[in-house]
Amino acid sequence: MSDYFDVIIAGGSISGLLAAREIAAPGGRSVAVFEEDPEIGTPQHCGGLVSIDGLKNLGMVPAANAIESRIKEAKIFSPSHSFILNTEAQKVIALDRRLLDKQAALQAQRLGAEIRTRCSVRSVSENKPTLDHNQADFSQTIKTSEGDFTCKFFIDARGVASIIQNKREGILQSAQYEVYASWIERETVEVQFDNHKYPGFFGWIIPTGDGTGKVGVAGKGINAAVALKSYMDSKAQKYSVIRKVYAPIWVSGPIENFISARRTIIIGDAAGQTKPTTAGGIYTCGMGGILAGRAISNAYDENDIDKLWDYQRSWLAIFGGEFDKMLLARRILERVDNRTLDELFLSVSESKLQEISRVGEFDFHTAALTKIFGSRHGVKIMKAILGNEIRRLLS
């Protein structure tokens, strides 16, 4: 096996695999994906919610056995109130992320990408060109658990772990269990807002079958395991836990620069491309991988590293405005107390619920919060918290 690749990708996530697919597409470029875990798609710490339209944009048509549930409604709770949204218009499904990631890996491999598991990247260093300023002669040495490799471009798709090395502010602790319980409804997602139990975030139930699902919580400064047990115990019915996953999540939006050093590109969770309101990222991170792969391909083919910046410009053009609004919604959510949450939920009218249900926004809990904040009562409360800054959220 060769120890040289045009592009080396650290991390076999959806973003890393889709980047590999784009780079390996006809063009004669060599690319390798190094995944530190023993299997692509594991461990699964993602809820797996995504819209069918989003998957189509990623060039992914999920296999029938990868679809765990089709979501038809969402029950949204505050501490004392609740409402139900019809979510059929959003065409949301719960996916088996392990199978989805393996499907992306197969797409990349069939186009020529090489994928290795149990191969962790330990360091990246630039090699000085033999001729000054000769970009064609530029290379990097990638030290891994399987030896040293050389490449022209390096992609960091190693997830939240890459951000944690430099930033702690936007990290929340989460726990998600795979659960068997009669109180899990096959086509219904549940979202529980409670800023005492889950400050700045929420609890959730995502069905994966009849009486099976992923149940999780996240919040600032909480013991996620204790909070999750309390959440499940509150159902006052029996349940069995068959798998436990604990993982940090990033909720502070994209990092400042997606290009680090001259030819190191950061994508997916590592670039903060998960949504600030939900920490979901199949679509936003997947598009990060695709856009990065295209930019790198152009930079390689034209021997012009300035083409790399097309990646960041393109991603921000698609998601920048949406993420700004999500970050503002997050700031509001972090500042309201449970009494205010209850007041906001109580103010939701039937016409407002129908309006939310008609919107083709798959993050229905985000859409719901935005519409609630935009109600007459919501604006009054929000102005008291953030003043005129609320106008940005409603524009």
Protein backbone atom coordinates (compact mmCIF):
# COMPACT_ATOMS: atom_id res chain seq x y z
CA MET A 1 0.00 0.00 0.00
CA SER A 2 1.18 3.50 -0.83
CA ASP A 3 2.35 5.88 1.88
CA TYR A 4 1.48 8.90 -0.30
CA PHE A 5 -1.98 10.32 -1.01
CA ASP A 6 -2.97 13.62 -2.55
CA VAL A 7 -5.44 14.07 0.32
CA ILE A 8 -5.59 12.43 3.75
CA ILE A 9 -8.74 12.71 5.86
CA ALA A 10 -8.66 12.11 9.61
CA GLY A 11 -12.09 10.88 10.67
CA GLY A 12 -14.59 8.57 9.00
CA SER A 13 -17.60 10.73 9.84
CA ILE A 14 -20.31 11.63 7.33
CA SER A 15 -18.42 14.84 6.54
CA GLY A 16 -15.09 13.07 6.06
CA LEU A 17 -16.58 10.33 3.90
CA LEU A 18 -18.50 12.74 1.67
CA ALA A 19 -15.35 14.84 1.25
CA ALA A 20 -13.52 11.67 0.19
CA ARG A 21 -16.29 10.87 -2.28
CA GLU A 22 -16.02 14.30 -3.91
CA ILE A 23 -12.22 14.18 -4.11
CA ALA A 24 -12.13 10.62 -5.45
CA ALA A 25 -14.64 11.43 -8.18
CA PRO A 26 -13.11 11.11 -11.68
CA GLY A 27 -10.00 13.26 -11.77
CA GLY A 28 -7.09 11.02 -10.83
CA ARG A 29 -6.77 12.31 -7.25
CA SER A 30 -5.80 9.82 -4.53
CA VAL A 31 -7.49 10.08 -1.12
CA ALA A 32 -7.43 8.08 2.10
CA VAL A 33 -9.70 8.18 5.15
CA PHE A 34 -8.16 7.22 8.50
CA GLU A 35 -10.74 6.33 11.17
CA GLU A 36 -9.48 5.68 14.70
CA ASP A 37 -12.42 3.47 15.74
CA PRO A 38 -12.64 -0.19 14.68
CA GLU A 39 -15.75 0.34 12.58
CA ILE A 40 -17.19 3.11 10.39
CA GLY A 41 -20.35 4.53 11.95
CA THR A 42 -19.52 3.66 15.55
CA PRO A 43 -19.95 4.70 18.22
CA GLN A 44 -23.37 6.11 17.38
CA HIS A 45 -23.89 9.26 19.43
CA CYS A 46 -26.16 11.05 16.93
CA GLY A 47 -29.94 11.12 17.23
CA GLY A 48 -30.16 10.35 13.53
CA LEU A 49 -32.94 12.81 12.62
CA VAL A 50 -32.74 14.19 9.10
CA SER A 51 -35.08 15.24 6.31
CA ILE A 52 -35.35 13.18 3.14
CA ASP A 53 -34.76 16.35 1.11
CA GLY A 54 -31.54 17.01 3.05
CA LEU A 55 -30.26 13.52 2.28
CA LYS A 56 -31.04 13.98 -1.41
CA ASN A 57 -28.94 17.15 -1.40
CA LEU A 58 -26.08 15.08 0.01
CA GLY A 59 -26.45 12.55 -2.80
CA MET A 60 -27.68 9.93 -0.35
CA VAL A 61 -30.77 7.74 -0.78
CA PRO A 62 -31.01 5.70 2.42
CA ALA A 63 -31.55 1.98 2.18
CA ALA A 64 -34.88 0.78 3.54
CA ASN A 65 -33.22 -0.97 6.48
CA ALA A 66 -31.45 2.28 7.45
CA ILE A 67 -34.76 4.07 8.10
CA GLU A 68 -35.74 3.36 11.68
CA SER A 69 -38.85 5.54 11.83
CA ARG A 70 -40.81 8.13 9.85
CA ILE A 71 -41.71 11.03 12.13
CA LYS A 72 -45.31 12.27 11.88
CA GLU A 73 -45.63 14.40 15.01
CA ALA A 74 -43.61 16.12 17.70
CA LYS A 75 -44.68 16.65 21.28
CA ILE A 76 -42.98 19.74 22.70
CA PHE A 77 -43.02 20.24 26.49
CA SER A 78 -42.20 23.05 28.89
CA PRO A 79 -42.23 22.24 32.63
CA SER A 80 -46.02 22.73 32.91
CA HIS A 81 -47.40 22.98 29.37
CA SER A 82 -47.13 21.28 26.00
CA PHE A 83 -48.30 21.29 22.41
CA ILE A 84 -48.25 18.88 19.49
CA LEU A 85 -46.96 19.63 16.01
CA ASN A 86 -47.86 17.76 12.85
CA THR A 87 -44.49 17.16 11.18
CA GLU A 88 -45.49 15.19 8.08
CA ALA A 89 -44.75 18.16 5.79
CA GLN A 90 -41.11 18.10 6.91
CA LYS A 91 -40.58 14.48 5.72
CA VAL A 92 -38.34 13.68 8.68
CA ILE A 93 -36.90 10.24 9.30
CA ALA A 94 -34.87 8.68 12.08
CA LEU A 95 -31.84 6.94 10.59
CA ASP A 96 -29.45 4.24 11.66
CA ARG A 97 -26.28 6.38 11.47
CA ARG A 98 -24.06 3.32 11.35
CA LEU A 99 -25.68 2.19 8.11
CA LEU A 100 -25.78 5.71 6.64
CA ASP A 101 -22.08 6.25 7.28
CA LYS A 102 -21.24 2.88 5.76
CA GLN A 103 -23.27 3.80 2.70
CA ALA A 104 -21.20 6.99 2.34
CA ALA A 105 -18.03 4.93 2.82
CA LEU A 106 -19.10 2.57 0.04
CA GLN A 107 -19.77 5.50 -2.30
CA ALA A 108 -16.29 6.89 -1.62
CA GLN A 109 -14.55 3.52 -1.94
CA ARG A 110 -16.19 2.71 -5.25
CA LEU A 111 -14.82 5.97 -6.65
CA GLY A 112 -11.30 5.08 -5.54
CA ALA A 113 -10.95 6.27 -1.94
CA GLU A 114 -9.02 4.09 0.50
CA ILE A 115 -10.55 3.69 3.97
CA ARG A 116 -8.70 2.38 7.01
CA THR A 117 -10.08 1.71 10.49
CA ARG A 118 -8.17 1.54 13.76
CA CYS A 119 -5.81 4.13 12.30
CA SER A 120 -5.47 7.27 14.41
CA VAL A 121 -3.70 10.45 13.33
CA ARG A 122 -1.15 11.57 15.92
CA SER A 123 0.48 14.62 14.35
CA VAL A 124 0.61 16.73 11.20
CA SER A 125 3.69 18.63 10.06
CA GLU A 126 4.57 20.65 6.97
CA ASN A 127 7.55 19.68 4.84
CA LYS A 128 9.61 22.53 3.44
CA PRO A 129 9.51 22.65 -0.38
CA THR A 130 12.81 21.77 -2.03
CA LEU A 131 12.35 24.90 -4.14
CA ASP A 132 11.29 28.09 -2.34
CA HIS A 133 7.66 29.07 -2.97
CA ASN A 134 7.11 26.06 -5.19
CA GLN A 135 3.51 25.14 -4.29
CA ALA A 136 3.58 22.03 -6.47
CA ASP A 137 6.38 20.69 -4.27
CA PHE A 138 4.50 21.27 -0.99
CA SER A 139 3.71 18.26 1.21
CA GLN A 140 2.73 17.32 4.76
CA THR A 141 3.77 14.38 6.90
CA ILE A 142 0.94 12.64 8.75
CA LYS A 143 2.10 10.47 11.65
CA THR A 144 -0.42 7.74 12.48
CA SER A 145 -0.72 4.57 14.52
CA GLU A 146 0.10 2.68 11.30
CA GLY A 147 3.18 4.68 10.37
CA ASP A 148 3.99 7.88 8.49
CA PHE A 149 2.19 9.09 5.37
CA THR A 150 2.65 12.06 3.06
CA CYS A 151 -0.01 14.20 1.41
CA LYS A 152 -0.57 17.58 -0.23
CA PHE A 153 -3.83 18.35 1.62
CA PHE A 154 -4.98 17.26 5.08
CA ILE A 155 -8.62 17.30 6.23
CA ASP A 156 -9.51 17.30 9.93
CA ALA A 157 -12.88 15.56 10.37
CA ARG A 158 -12.22 14.27 13.88
CA GLY A 159 -15.30 15.79 15.47
CA VAL A 160 -15.78 17.76 18.66
CA ALA A 161 -12.47 16.44 20.01
CA SER A 162 -10.65 18.83 17.68
CA ILE A 163 -12.55 21.85 19.05
CA ILE A 164 -12.17 20.87 22.69
CA GLN A 165 -8.40 21.22 22.38
CA ASN A 166 -8.81 24.99 21.96
CA LYS A 167 -12.30 25.91 23.19
CA ARG A 168 -14.46 24.83 26.11
CA GLU A 169 -17.06 27.58 26.17
CA GLY A 170 -19.50 26.07 23.67
CA ILE A 171 -19.40 22.48 24.95
CA LEU A 172 -22.37 20.78 26.65
CA GLN A 173 -22.36 17.31 28.17
CA SER A 174 -24.89 14.86 26.76
CA ALA A 175 -26.08 11.34 27.42
CA GLN A 176 -28.14 9.22 25.04
CA TYR A 177 -29.39 5.71 25.72
CA GLU A 178 -30.98 3.15 23.44
CA VAL A 179 -34.10 2.16 25.33
CA TYR A 180 -36.89 -0.41 25.18
CA ALA A 181 -40.07 1.04 26.70
CA SER A 182 -43.80 0.97 26.02
CA TRP A 183 -43.96 4.77 26.40
CA ILE A 184 -41.92 5.34 23.23
CA GLU A 185 -44.32 6.02 20.34
CA ARG A 186 -43.13 4.82 16.95
CA GLU A 187 -43.77 7.98 14.88
CA THR A 188 -43.54 10.63 17.60
CA VAL A 189 -40.56 12.68 18.73
CA GLU A 190 -40.67 14.22 22.20
CA VAL A 191 -38.73 17.33 23.23
CA GLN A 192 -38.67 18.47 26.87
CA PHE A 193 -37.54 22.03 27.67
CA ASP A 194 -36.69 22.62 31.32
CA ASN A 195 -33.99 25.16 32.12
CA HIS A 196 -33.59 23.84 35.64
CA LYS A 197 -32.96 20.25 34.62
CA TYR A 198 -31.39 20.85 31.17
CA PRO A 199 -30.09 24.44 31.18
CA GLY A 200 -29.63 25.78 27.67
CA PHE A 201 -30.80 22.58 25.99
CA PHE A 202 -33.48 19.89 26.37
CA GLY A 203 -34.34 16.24 26.78
CA TRP A 204 -35.47 14.16 23.81
CA ILE A 205 -37.02 10.89 22.68
CA ILE A 206 -36.43 9.73 19.10
CA PRO A 207 -38.29 6.54 18.15
CA THR A 208 -36.43 3.82 16.28
CA GLY A 209 -39.26 1.30 16.23
CA ASP A 210 -42.34 0.20 18.12
CA GLY A 211 -41.41 0.63 21.77
CA THR A 212 -37.73 1.33 21.03
CA GLY A 213 -35.86 4.59 20.75
CA LYS A 214 -33.01 6.91 21.64
CA VAL A 215 -33.60 8.88 24.82
CA GLY A 216 -31.20 11.66 25.73
CA VAL A 217 -30.51 14.89 27.58
CA ALA A 218 -27.92 17.64 27.42
CA GLY A 219 -27.35 20.83 29.36
CA LYS A 220 -24.81 23.23 30.75
CA GLY A 221 -23.09 22.04 33.91
CA ILE A 222 -25.29 18.99 34.46
CA ASN A 223 -24.53 15.39 35.31
CA ALA A 224 -26.00 14.01 32.11
CA ALA A 225 -26.31 10.43 33.38
CA VAL A 226 -28.21 11.49 36.51
CA ALA A 227 -30.43 13.87 34.53
CA LEU A 228 -31.25 11.19 31.96
CA LYS A 229 -32.16 8.62 34.60
CA SER A 230 -34.48 11.17 36.21
CA TYR A 231 -36.05 11.92 32.82
CA MET A 232 -36.79 8.25 32.14
CA ASP A 233 -37.97 7.61 35.70
CA SER A 234 -40.47 10.47 35.30
CA LYS A 235 -42.37 8.31 32.81
CA ALA A 236 -43.37 6.16 35.80
CA GLN A 237 -43.25 3.01 33.68
CA LYS A 238 -40.70 0.27 33.18
CA TYR A 239 -37.88 0.57 30.68
CA SER A 240 -34.71 -1.28 29.73
CA VAL A 241 -31.46 0.35 28.65
CA ILE A 242 -29.54 -1.64 26.05
CA ARG A 243 -26.82 0.86 25.20
CA LYS A 244 -25.34 4.00 26.77
CA VAL A 245 -23.42 6.76 25.03
CA TYR A 246 -21.91 9.86 26.64
CA ALA A 247 -20.49 12.57 24.43
CA PRO A 248 -19.75 16.30 24.43
CA ILE A 249 -21.73 18.38 21.93
CA TRP A 250 -20.84 21.73 20.37
CA VAL A 251 -23.50 24.48 20.28
CA SER A 252 -21.56 27.69 19.59
CA GLY A 253 -21.65 27.72 15.80
CA PRO A 254 -18.88 27.61 13.20
CA ILE A 255 -15.27 28.30 14.06
CA GLU A 256 -13.68 31.44 12.62
CA ASN A 257 -11.54 29.80 9.94
CA PHE A 258 -12.21 26.49 8.18
CA ILE A 259 -8.70 26.63 6.68
CA SER A 260 -5.86 26.16 9.16
CA ALA A 261 -2.26 26.56 8.03
CA ARG A 262 -1.75 26.45 4.29
CA ARG A 263 -3.34 23.16 3.32
CA THR A 264 -5.20 21.90 6.38
CA ILE A 265 -8.97 22.00 6.01
CA ILE A 266 -11.43 21.56 8.89
CA ILE A 267 -14.90 20.12 8.32
CA GLY A 268 -17.99 18.84 10.12
CA ASP A 269 -18.17 18.83 13.91
CA ALA A 270 -14.51 19.85 14.05
CA ALA A 271 -15.44 23.09 12.24
CA GLY A 272 -18.45 23.75 14.48
CA GLN A 273 -20.90 22.97 11.69
CA THR A 274 -23.47 21.37 14.02
CA LYS A 275 -26.63 23.39 14.63
CA PRO A 276 -26.46 25.60 17.75
CA THR A 277 -30.05 24.84 18.75
CA THR A 278 -30.02 21.05 18.39
CA ALA A 279 -26.37 19.96 17.86
CA GLY A 280 -27.64 18.05 14.82
CA GLY A 281 -25.42 18.02 11.79
CA ILE A 282 -26.02 15.25 9.26
CA TYR A 283 -26.94 17.80 6.59
CA THR A 284 -24.88 20.83 7.63
CA CYS A 285 -21.75 18.79 8.33
CA GLY A 286 -22.30 16.60 5.28
CA MET A 287 -22.48 19.70 3.08
CA GLY A 288 -19.28 20.90 4.75
CA GLY A 289 -17.57 17.74 3.55
CA ILE A 290 -18.95 18.05 0.03
CA LEU A 291 -18.02 21.73 -0.34
CA ALA A 292 -14.55 21.12 1.10
CA GLY A 293 -14.01 18.18 -1.25
CA ARG A 294 -14.93 20.27 -4.26
CA ALA A 295 -12.72 23.19 -3.20
CA ILE A 296 -9.74 20.89 -2.61
CA SER A 297 -10.27 19.21 -5.97
CA ASN A 298 -10.24 22.60 -7.71
CA ALA A 299 -7.19 23.76 -5.75
CA TYR A 300 -5.34 20.55 -6.67
CA ASP A 301 -6.33 20.55 -10.33
CA GLU A 302 -5.49 24.24 -10.83
CA ASN A 303 -2.51 24.31 -8.43
CA ASP A 304 -4.10 27.30 -6.68
CA ILE A 305 -4.50 27.05 -2.90
CA ASP A 306 -6.62 30.21 -2.85
CA LYS A 307 -9.40 28.01 -4.23
CA LEU A 308 -9.60 26.40 -0.78
CA TRP A 309 -11.40 29.47 0.56
CA ASP A 310 -14.29 28.79 -1.81
CA TYR A 311 -15.27 26.11 0.71
CA GLN A 312 -15.80 28.49 3.62
CA ARG A 313 -17.47 31.13 1.45
CA SER A 314 -19.88 28.57 0.00
CA TRP A 315 -20.77 27.02 3.36
CA LEU A 316 -21.43 30.40 4.98
CA ALA A 317 -23.50 31.52 1.99
CA ILE A 318 -25.78 28.53 2.54
CA PHE A 319 -25.87 28.30 6.34
CA GLY A 320 -24.43 31.52 7.79
CA GLY A 321 -27.70 33.43 8.15
CA GLU A 322 -29.54 30.42 9.54
CA PHE A 323 -26.79 29.78 12.10
CA ASP A 324 -26.81 33.44 13.21
CA LYS A 325 -30.52 33.13 14.01
CA MET A 326 -29.97 29.84 15.81
CA LEU A 327 -27.21 31.37 17.93
CA LEU A 328 -29.54 34.19 18.91
CA ALA A 329 -32.31 31.71 19.73
CA ARG A 330 -29.78 29.83 21.87
CA ARG A 331 -28.86 33.01 23.76
CA ILE A 332 -32.53 33.57 24.51
CA LEU A 333 -33.11 29.97 25.59
CA GLU A 334 -30.14 30.14 27.96
CA ARG A 335 -31.56 33.23 29.68
CA VAL A 336 -35.24 32.37 30.19
CA ASP A 337 -36.37 30.64 33.37
CA ASN A 338 -39.01 27.93 33.60
CA ARG A 339 -41.77 30.37 34.50
CA THR A 340 -41.07 32.32 31.31
CA LEU A 341 -40.95 29.10 29.28
CA ASP A 342 -44.39 28.17 30.59
CA GLU A 343 -45.74 31.63 29.76
CA LEU A 344 -44.42 31.34 26.22
CA PHE A 345 -45.90 27.87 25.71
CA LEU A 346 -49.24 29.02 27.12
CA SER A 347 -49.35 31.86 24.59
CA VAL A 348 -49.17 29.54 21.56
CA SER A 349 -52.41 29.61 19.58
CA GLU A 350 -53.86 26.86 17.39
CA SER A 351 -53.26 29.01 14.30
CA LYS A 352 -49.61 29.38 15.30
CA LEU A 353 -49.27 25.59 15.63
CA GLN A 354 -50.76 25.12 12.18
CA GLU A 355 -48.35 27.72 10.80
CA ILE A 356 -45.37 25.89 12.30
CA SER A 357 -46.63 22.54 10.97
CA ARG A 358 -46.92 23.92 7.43
CA VAL A 359 -43.34 25.17 7.36
CA GLY A 360 -40.99 22.73 5.64
CA GLU A 361 -38.37 23.13 8.40
CA PHE A 362 -37.26 19.77 9.69
CA ASP A 363 -35.87 21.16 12.96
CA PHE A 364 -39.42 21.55 14.20
CA HIS A 365 -38.39 22.37 17.77
CA THR A 366 -36.19 25.21 16.46
CA ALA A 367 -38.99 26.42 14.18
CA ALA A 368 -41.42 26.22 17.10
CA LEU A 369 -39.17 28.26 19.38
CA THR A 370 -38.65 30.90 16.69
CA LYS A 371 -42.39 31.25 16.08
CA ILE A 372 -43.10 31.40 19.81
CA PHE A 373 -40.44 34.06 20.30
CA GLY A 374 -42.06 35.93 17.41
CA SER A 375 -45.55 35.99 18.94
CA ARG A 376 -46.80 39.24 20.47
CA HIS A 377 -46.35 37.89 23.99
CA GLY A 378 -43.01 36.34 23.07
CA VAL A 379 -41.61 39.57 21.65
CA LYS A 380 -42.59 41.42 24.82
CA ILE A 381 -40.73 38.92 26.97
CA MET A 382 -37.75 38.65 24.66
CA LYS A 383 -37.29 42.41 24.41
CA ALA A 384 -36.95 42.49 28.16
CA ILE A 385 -34.13 39.96 27.84
CA LEU A 386 -32.23 41.07 24.75
CA GLY A 387 -33.74 44.38 23.73
CA ASN A 388 -33.60 45.26 20.04
CA GLU A 389 -31.30 42.33 19.25
CA ILE A 390 -34.45 40.20 19.01
CA ARG A 391 -35.22 41.87 15.68
CA ARG A 392 -32.44 39.85 14.06
CA LEU A 393 -34.14 36.61 15.01
CA LEU A 394 -37.47 37.68 13.53
CA SER A 395 -36.13 39.18 10.29
